[in-house]
């Protein structure tokens, strides 16, 4: 598990107020107690923690498990960020 994965799991466990040990790669977010409000709070926390401006709505719709969230965050790191990205 990477540091990024660990931070994601921290965010989820804090937002959903659950034991960190329950937040595994295969865990379904809805089974952990995520609803639409907590989903938004998790996404806002992920964006703030990693400095993303906005995670694509189509990608958000694909998030069902912790592994899905980790994959999307990893993809966000590979996208251009900052002023140069805005000019494209």
Protein backbone atom coordinates (compact mmCIF):
# COMPACT_ATOMS: atom_id res chain seq x y z
CA UNK A 1 0.00 0.00 0.00
CA UNK A 2 1.31 3.43 -0.92
CA UNK A 3 1.25 6.58 1.20
CA UNK A 4 -1.48 7.91 -1.10
CA UNK A 5 -3.58 4.78 -0.53
CA UNK A 6 -3.08 5.15 3.21
CA UNK A 7 -4.23 8.79 3.12
CA UNK A 8 -7.31 7.80 1.10
CA UNK A 9 -8.18 5.14 3.65
CA UNK A 10 -7.66 7.65 6.47
CA UNK A 11 -10.06 10.08 4.78
CA UNK A 12 -12.70 7.39 4.31
CA UNK A 13 -12.43 6.07 7.86
CA UNK A 14 -12.67 9.57 9.36
CA UNK A 15 -15.56 10.68 7.15
CA UNK A 16 -17.56 7.49 7.68
CA UNK A 17 -16.54 7.29 11.35
CA UNK A 18 -15.48 3.65 11.06
CA UNK A 19 -12.51 1.59 12.18
CA UNK A 20 -9.58 2.02 9.80
CA UNK A 21 -9.20 -1.79 9.62
CA UNK A 22 -12.56 -2.04 7.81
CA UNK A 23 -11.29 0.13 4.96
CA UNK A 24 -9.81 -2.49 2.62
CA UNK A 25 -9.27 -2.38 -1.15
CA UNK A 26 -12.26 -4.60 -1.84
CA UNK A 27 -14.60 -2.87 0.62
CA UNK A 28 -17.75 -1.53 -1.00
CA UNK A 29 -18.16 2.08 0.05
CA UNK A 30 -21.92 1.73 0.44
CA UNK A 31 -21.43 -1.24 2.77
CA UNK A 32 -19.09 0.93 4.84
CA UNK A 33 -21.95 3.41 5.23
CA UNK A 34 -21.27 5.93 2.47
CA UNK A 35 -24.26 7.93 1.28
CA UNK A 36 -24.47 10.83 -1.17
CA UNK A 37 -23.47 13.44 1.41
CA UNK A 38 -20.50 11.49 2.75
CA UNK A 39 -19.45 10.70 -0.84
CA UNK A 40 -19.21 14.42 -1.58
CA UNK A 41 -17.33 15.04 1.66
CA UNK A 42 -14.86 12.25 0.82
CA UNK A 43 -14.30 13.67 -2.67
CA UNK A 44 -13.81 17.20 -1.33
CA UNK A 45 -11.32 15.88 1.23
CA UNK A 46 -9.44 13.92 -1.45
CA UNK A 47 -9.30 16.99 -3.71
CA UNK A 48 -8.06 19.17 -0.86
CA UNK A 49 -5.54 16.64 0.44
CA UNK A 50 -3.94 15.99 -2.94
CA UNK A 51 -4.44 19.42 -4.52
CA UNK A 52 -6.81 18.37 -7.29
CA UNK A 53 -9.14 21.03 -8.61
CA UNK A 54 -11.98 18.71 -9.58
CA UNK A 55 -12.38 14.98 -10.08
CA UNK A 56 -14.34 14.23 -13.27
CA UNK A 57 -18.01 13.37 -12.66
CA UNK A 58 -17.83 10.36 -15.01
CA UNK A 59 -14.96 8.98 -12.93
CA UNK A 60 -16.85 9.63 -9.70
CA UNK A 61 -19.76 7.54 -10.98
CA UNK A 62 -17.39 4.57 -11.31
CA UNK A 63 -16.32 4.60 -7.65
CA UNK A 64 -17.79 1.59 -5.87
CA UNK A 65 -14.85 0.32 -3.81
CA UNK A 66 -11.80 1.70 -2.05
CA UNK A 67 -9.70 0.28 -4.91
CA UNK A 68 -11.77 2.30 -7.42
CA UNK A 69 -11.11 5.48 -5.46
CA UNK A 70 -7.39 4.67 -5.21
CA UNK A 71 -7.25 4.03 -8.98
CA UNK A 72 -8.93 7.32 -9.82
CA UNK A 73 -6.61 9.26 -7.51
CA UNK A 74 -3.61 7.55 -9.14
CA UNK A 75 -4.96 8.59 -12.56
CA UNK A 76 -5.37 12.16 -11.34
CA UNK A 77 -1.68 12.26 -10.44
CA UNK A 78 -0.83 11.35 -14.04
CA UNK A 79 -2.90 14.24 -15.45
CA UNK A 80 -1.30 17.66 -15.97
CA UNK A 81 -2.04 20.10 -13.13
CA UNK A 82 -1.48 23.76 -12.54
CA UNK A 83 -1.45 26.76 -14.91
CA UNK A 84 0.09 24.85 -17.83
CA UNK A 85 -2.77 22.35 -17.72
CA UNK A 86 -5.31 25.18 -17.87
CA UNK A 87 -3.83 26.46 -21.16
CA UNK A 88 -4.37 23.17 -22.99
